[in-house]
N, C-alpha and C. Protein backbone atom coordinates (compact mmCIF):
# COMPACT_ATOMS: atom_id res chain seq x y z
N ARG A 1 0.83 -1.19 0.00
CA ARG A 1 0.00 0.00 0.00
C ARG A 1 0.87 1.24 0.00
N GLU A 2 0.42 2.22 -0.75
CA GLU A 2 1.18 3.47 -0.78
C GLU A 2 1.00 4.26 0.50
N CYS A 3 -0.23 4.36 0.98
CA CYS A 3 -0.53 5.13 2.19
C CYS A 3 -1.27 4.23 3.16
N SER A 4 -0.74 4.09 4.35
CA SER A 4 -1.40 3.22 5.33
C SER A 4 -2.42 4.00 6.15
N ALA A 5 -3.35 3.28 6.75
CA ALA A 5 -4.41 3.90 7.54
C ALA A 5 -3.85 4.44 8.85
N GLU A 6 -4.50 5.47 9.33
CA GLU A 6 -4.13 6.06 10.61
C GLU A 6 -4.53 5.15 11.76
N HIS A 7 -3.69 5.05 12.74
CA HIS A 7 -4.01 4.33 13.97
C HIS A 7 -4.09 5.35 15.09
N SER A 8 -4.50 4.92 16.24
CA SER A 8 -4.62 5.81 17.39
C SER A 8 -3.27 6.48 17.66
N ARG A 9 -3.31 7.75 17.90
CA ARG A 9 -2.09 8.53 18.11
C ARG A 9 -2.17 9.30 19.42
N ASN A 10 -1.01 9.66 19.89
CA ASN A 10 -0.91 10.56 21.03
C ASN A 10 -0.82 11.98 20.50
N LEU A 11 -0.93 12.93 21.40
CA LEU A 11 -0.84 14.33 21.06
C LEU A 11 0.46 14.60 20.30
N GLY A 12 0.34 15.21 19.13
CA GLY A 12 1.50 15.55 18.32
C GLY A 12 1.98 14.47 17.37
N GLU A 13 1.35 13.29 17.40
CA GLU A 13 1.81 12.16 16.59
C GLU A 13 0.98 11.90 15.34
N ARG A 14 -0.04 12.70 15.10
CA ARG A 14 -0.82 12.48 13.87
C ARG A 14 0.05 12.88 12.68
N ALA A 15 -0.19 12.23 11.57
CA ALA A 15 0.65 12.44 10.38
C ALA A 15 0.75 13.91 10.00
N PHE A 16 -0.37 14.62 9.99
CA PHE A 16 -0.30 16.02 9.58
C PHE A 16 0.50 16.84 10.58
N GLU A 17 0.50 16.45 11.88
CA GLU A 17 1.28 17.18 12.89
C GLU A 17 2.77 16.97 12.68
N ILE A 18 3.15 15.76 12.29
CA ILE A 18 4.56 15.48 12.01
C ILE A 18 5.02 16.29 10.81
N VAL A 19 4.21 16.31 9.76
CA VAL A 19 4.54 17.09 8.56
C VAL A 19 4.64 18.57 8.92
N LEU A 20 3.69 19.06 9.70
CA LEU A 20 3.71 20.47 10.11
C LEU A 20 4.95 20.78 10.94
N ALA A 21 5.30 19.90 11.87
CA ALA A 21 6.49 20.09 12.70
C ALA A 21 7.75 20.13 11.84
N ARG A 22 7.81 19.28 10.83
CA ARG A 22 8.97 19.28 9.92
C ARG A 22 9.04 20.59 9.14
N ARG A 23 7.89 21.08 8.70
CA ARG A 23 7.86 22.33 7.94
C ARG A 23 8.26 23.51 8.82
N VAL A 24 7.83 23.50 10.08
CA VAL A 24 8.21 24.57 11.01
C VAL A 24 9.71 24.51 11.26
N GLN A 25 10.24 23.31 11.48
CA GLN A 25 11.67 23.13 11.72
C GLN A 25 12.50 23.61 10.53
N ALA A 26 12.00 23.39 9.33
CA ALA A 26 12.71 23.81 8.11
C ALA A 26 12.51 25.29 7.80
N GLY A 27 11.69 25.97 8.60
CA GLY A 27 11.42 27.39 8.35
C GLY A 27 10.43 27.63 7.24
N GLU A 28 9.69 26.61 6.84
CA GLU A 28 8.72 26.73 5.74
C GLU A 28 7.32 27.10 6.22
N ALA A 29 7.09 27.04 7.53
CA ALA A 29 5.75 27.34 8.06
C ALA A 29 5.86 27.91 9.46
N GLU A 30 4.85 28.69 9.83
CA GLU A 30 4.70 29.19 11.19
C GLU A 30 3.32 28.78 11.66
N THR A 31 3.22 28.36 12.92
CA THR A 31 1.93 27.92 13.44
C THR A 31 1.88 28.05 14.96
N GLN A 32 0.68 28.18 15.47
CA GLN A 32 0.45 28.18 16.91
C GLN A 32 -0.17 26.85 17.35
N TRP A 33 -0.31 25.92 16.41
CA TRP A 33 -0.98 24.65 16.69
C TRP A 33 -0.40 23.95 17.91
N PHE A 34 0.91 23.81 17.97
CA PHE A 34 1.55 23.06 19.05
C PHE A 34 1.43 23.80 20.39
N ALA A 35 1.64 25.10 20.38
CA ALA A 35 1.51 25.89 21.61
C ALA A 35 0.07 25.87 22.11
N ARG A 36 -0.87 26.00 21.21
CA ARG A 36 -2.29 26.03 21.57
C ARG A 36 -2.73 24.73 22.23
N HIS A 37 -2.15 23.62 21.82
CA HIS A 37 -2.55 22.32 22.35
C HIS A 37 -1.59 21.79 23.41
N GLY A 38 -0.58 22.59 23.76
CA GLY A 38 0.38 22.14 24.77
C GLY A 38 1.17 20.93 24.31
N SER A 39 1.48 20.92 23.02
CA SER A 39 2.15 19.78 22.40
C SER A 39 3.59 20.13 22.03
N THR A 40 4.43 19.13 21.99
CA THR A 40 5.80 19.29 21.53
C THR A 40 5.85 18.83 20.08
N PRO A 41 6.37 19.66 19.17
CA PRO A 41 6.46 19.23 17.77
C PRO A 41 7.34 17.98 17.64
N ILE A 42 6.82 16.99 16.96
CA ILE A 42 7.54 15.73 16.73
C ILE A 42 7.85 15.65 15.24
N THR A 43 9.13 15.49 14.92
CA THR A 43 9.53 15.45 13.52
C THR A 43 9.92 14.06 13.04
N GLU A 44 10.13 13.14 13.97
CA GLU A 44 10.53 11.78 13.60
C GLU A 44 9.42 10.81 13.96
N LEU A 45 9.26 9.78 13.15
CA LEU A 45 8.26 8.76 13.41
C LEU A 45 8.60 7.97 14.66
N SER A 46 7.60 7.66 15.43
CA SER A 46 7.79 6.92 16.67
C SER A 46 8.04 5.44 16.38
N THR A 47 8.85 4.82 17.20
CA THR A 47 9.13 3.39 17.03
C THR A 47 8.09 2.53 17.72
N HIS A 48 7.20 3.13 18.53
CA HIS A 48 6.20 2.32 19.24
C HIS A 48 4.93 2.10 18.43
N TRP A 49 4.85 2.65 17.23
CA TRP A 49 3.66 2.43 16.40
C TRP A 49 3.70 1.04 15.80
N PRO A 50 2.59 0.34 15.84
CA PRO A 50 2.55 -1.01 15.28
C PRO A 50 2.44 -0.98 13.76
N PRO A 51 2.89 -2.03 13.09
CA PRO A 51 2.63 -2.12 11.66
C PRO A 51 1.12 -2.18 11.45
N PRO A 52 0.55 -1.68 10.39
CA PRO A 52 1.23 -1.18 9.21
C PRO A 52 1.62 0.29 9.29
N THR A 53 1.35 0.94 10.42
CA THR A 53 1.62 2.37 10.51
C THR A 53 3.11 2.67 10.52
N GLY A 54 3.86 1.95 11.32
CA GLY A 54 5.30 2.17 11.40
C GLY A 54 6.01 1.45 10.28
N ALA A 55 7.34 1.30 10.39
CA ALA A 55 8.10 0.54 9.41
C ALA A 55 7.59 -0.88 9.42
N PRO A 56 7.57 -1.61 8.31
CA PRO A 56 8.16 -1.25 7.04
C PRO A 56 7.23 -0.50 6.10
N SER A 57 5.98 -0.27 6.48
CA SER A 57 5.06 0.44 5.60
C SER A 57 5.44 1.91 5.50
N ARG A 58 5.09 2.50 4.38
CA ARG A 58 5.34 3.92 4.20
C ARG A 58 4.31 4.69 5.03
N PRO A 59 4.74 5.55 5.94
CA PRO A 59 3.79 6.26 6.81
C PRO A 59 2.98 7.30 6.06
N ALA A 60 1.87 7.64 6.63
CA ALA A 60 0.98 8.64 6.02
C ALA A 60 1.67 9.98 5.87
N SER A 61 2.59 10.30 6.77
CA SER A 61 3.28 11.59 6.66
C SER A 61 4.05 11.71 5.35
N THR A 62 4.61 10.60 4.87
CA THR A 62 5.32 10.62 3.59
C THR A 62 4.34 10.89 2.46
N CYS A 63 3.16 10.30 2.54
CA CYS A 63 2.14 10.53 1.52
C CYS A 63 1.74 12.00 1.47
N ILE A 64 1.57 12.59 2.64
CA ILE A 64 1.17 14.00 2.70
C ILE A 64 2.23 14.88 2.07
N GLU A 65 3.50 14.58 2.35
CA GLU A 65 4.59 15.38 1.81
C GLU A 65 4.73 15.22 0.30
N LYS A 66 4.48 14.04 -0.22
CA LYS A 66 4.70 13.78 -1.64
C LYS A 66 3.50 14.06 -2.52
N ARG A 67 2.31 13.91 -1.98
CA ARG A 67 1.10 14.08 -2.80
C ARG A 67 0.48 15.44 -2.55
N ARG A 68 0.63 16.32 -3.50
CA ARG A 68 0.12 17.69 -3.39
C ARG A 68 -1.40 17.74 -3.30
N ASP A 69 -2.08 16.71 -3.83
CA ASP A 69 -3.54 16.71 -3.76
C ASP A 69 -4.05 16.48 -2.34
N LEU A 70 -3.21 15.93 -1.46
CA LEU A 70 -3.59 15.74 -0.06
C LEU A 70 -3.29 16.95 0.81
N ALA A 71 -2.33 17.74 0.40
CA ALA A 71 -1.88 18.87 1.22
C ALA A 71 -2.99 19.81 1.68
N PRO A 72 -3.94 20.18 0.82
CA PRO A 72 -4.98 21.13 1.28
C PRO A 72 -5.84 20.62 2.44
N ILE A 73 -6.06 19.32 2.52
CA ILE A 73 -6.89 18.81 3.62
C ILE A 73 -6.06 18.35 4.81
N GLU A 74 -4.76 18.32 4.66
CA GLU A 74 -3.88 17.90 5.75
C GLU A 74 -3.25 19.11 6.43
N ARG A 75 -4.07 20.12 6.67
CA ARG A 75 -3.64 21.33 7.37
C ARG A 75 -4.38 21.41 8.70
N PRO A 76 -3.84 22.15 9.67
CA PRO A 76 -4.52 22.28 10.97
C PRO A 76 -5.95 22.78 10.87
N GLU A 77 -6.23 23.65 9.92
CA GLU A 77 -7.59 24.20 9.78
C GLU A 77 -8.62 23.12 9.46
N CYS A 78 -8.17 22.02 8.90
CA CYS A 78 -9.07 20.94 8.50
C CYS A 78 -9.08 19.79 9.51
N LYS A 79 -8.42 19.96 10.62
CA LYS A 79 -8.30 18.87 11.59
C LYS A 79 -9.02 19.19 12.89
N ARG A 80 -9.53 18.16 13.49
CA ARG A 80 -10.19 18.29 14.79
C ARG A 80 -9.14 18.55 15.86
N ARG A 81 -9.45 19.48 16.73
CA ARG A 81 -8.52 19.79 17.82
C ARG A 81 -8.53 18.68 18.85
N TRP A 82 -7.41 18.58 19.55
CA TRP A 82 -7.32 17.63 20.65
C TRP A 82 -8.17 18.17 21.78
N SER A 83 -9.12 17.39 22.21
CA SER A 83 -9.99 17.87 23.28
C SER A 83 -10.33 16.75 24.25
N ALA A 84 -9.41 15.87 24.48
CA ALA A 84 -9.65 14.78 25.41
C ALA A 84 -9.80 15.33 26.82
N GLU A 85 -10.85 14.89 27.49
CA GLU A 85 -11.11 15.33 28.86
C GLU A 85 -10.14 14.61 29.79
N PRO A 86 -9.50 15.33 30.71
CA PRO A 86 -8.55 14.70 31.63
C PRO A 86 -9.22 13.60 32.46
N TRP A 87 -8.44 12.57 32.78
CA TRP A 87 -8.96 11.43 33.54
C TRP A 87 -9.55 11.89 34.87
N ALA A 88 -8.89 12.77 35.58
CA ALA A 88 -9.37 13.21 36.89
C ALA A 88 -10.76 13.85 36.79
N LYS A 89 -10.99 14.61 35.74
CA LYS A 89 -12.29 15.24 35.56
C LYS A 89 -13.36 14.20 35.23
N ARG A 90 -13.02 13.23 34.40
CA ARG A 90 -13.97 12.16 34.07
C ARG A 90 -14.30 11.34 35.31
N GLN A 91 -13.28 11.05 36.11
CA GLN A 91 -13.48 10.27 37.32
C GLN A 91 -14.36 11.04 38.31
N GLU A 92 -14.10 12.32 38.48
CA GLU A 92 -14.90 13.14 39.39
C GLU A 92 -16.37 13.15 38.96
N ARG A 93 -16.61 13.32 37.66
CA ARG A 93 -17.98 13.34 37.16
C ARG A 93 -18.67 12.00 37.41
N ALA A 94 -17.97 10.90 37.16
CA ALA A 94 -18.54 9.57 37.38
C ALA A 94 -18.86 9.34 38.85
N LEU A 95 -17.95 9.75 39.73
CA LEU A 95 -18.19 9.58 41.17
C LEU A 95 -19.35 10.45 41.64
N ARG A 96 -19.44 11.66 41.12
CA ARG A 96 -20.56 12.54 41.48
C ARG A 96 -21.89 11.92 41.06
N HIS A 97 -21.95 11.42 39.83
CA HIS A 97 -23.19 10.78 39.36
C HIS A 97 -23.53 9.55 40.21
N TRP A 98 -22.52 8.76 40.53
CA TRP A 98 -22.74 7.57 41.35
C TRP A 98 -23.30 7.97 42.71
N LEU A 99 -22.68 8.96 43.36
CA LEU A 99 -23.11 9.39 44.68
C LEU A 99 -24.52 9.99 44.64
N LEU A 100 -24.78 10.84 43.68
CA LEU A 100 -26.12 11.43 43.57
C LEU A 100 -27.19 10.38 43.32
N ASP A 101 -26.87 9.39 42.50
CA ASP A 101 -27.82 8.29 42.28
C ASP A 101 -28.11 7.55 43.58
N ARG A 102 -27.08 7.31 44.39
CA ARG A 102 -27.28 6.61 45.67
C ARG A 102 -28.07 7.47 46.66
N LEU A 103 -27.86 8.77 46.62
CA LEU A 103 -28.57 9.67 47.54
C LEU A 103 -30.05 9.79 47.21
N GLU A 104 -30.44 9.37 46.03
CA GLU A 104 -31.86 9.41 45.66
C GLU A 104 -32.62 8.18 46.16
N ALA A 105 -31.94 7.29 46.82
CA ALA A 105 -32.60 6.07 47.31
C ALA A 105 -33.72 6.43 48.28
N ARG A 106 -34.88 5.87 48.06
CA ARG A 106 -36.07 6.17 48.85
C ARG A 106 -35.85 5.91 50.34
N GLN A 107 -35.17 4.82 50.70
CA GLN A 107 -34.98 4.48 52.10
C GLN A 107 -34.16 5.51 52.87
N LEU A 108 -33.42 6.35 52.19
CA LEU A 108 -32.67 7.41 52.87
C LEU A 108 -33.56 8.59 53.26
N TRP A 109 -34.66 8.77 52.60
CA TRP A 109 -35.47 9.97 52.78
C TRP A 109 -36.85 9.73 53.37
N PHE A 110 -37.33 8.52 53.33
CA PHE A 110 -38.67 8.23 53.83
C PHE A 110 -38.60 7.16 54.90
N ALA A 111 -39.33 7.38 55.96
CA ALA A 111 -39.36 6.40 57.04
C ALA A 111 -40.18 5.19 56.60
N SER A 112 -39.80 4.06 57.10
CA SER A 112 -40.53 2.84 56.82
C SER A 112 -41.91 2.92 57.46
N THR A 113 -42.94 2.42 56.82
CA THR A 113 -44.30 2.48 57.38
C THR A 113 -44.41 1.66 58.65
N ALA A 114 -43.52 0.70 58.85
CA ALA A 114 -43.56 -0.12 60.06
C ALA A 114 -43.11 0.66 61.29
N THR A 115 -42.31 1.70 61.10
CA THR A 115 -41.79 2.47 62.24
C THR A 115 -42.56 3.75 62.49
N VAL A 116 -43.55 4.04 61.70
CA VAL A 116 -44.32 5.28 61.88
C VAL A 116 -45.37 5.04 62.98
N PRO A 117 -45.36 5.87 64.04
CA PRO A 117 -46.35 5.70 65.11
C PRO A 117 -47.74 6.07 64.62
N GLU A 118 -48.75 5.39 65.17
CA GLU A 118 -50.13 5.66 64.75
C GLU A 118 -50.81 6.62 65.66
């Protein structure tokens, strides 16, 4: 295959981000993408990516650099921003929902009819 499919990536590891980082390093582009997302520009392919994304397959970043027809859609303006919610916030929300659900239990708020004096 000329261009392999994208696999799950970490911040800064998407193919277009690598191409953008290389262009910034070469002085061919200026961007706030990395600063805005708190990311470090990565210019080299990671060794932890599984095939077919890593070697020996040709990575998507090479396709973006060589195929001019892909360049217009492989820009930051056409990409979804990183917006993963931090684990601590997700955990807090889940615990809050769990606790509130438990606090709605009828036995916590209403006396049993057996204990109500007549």
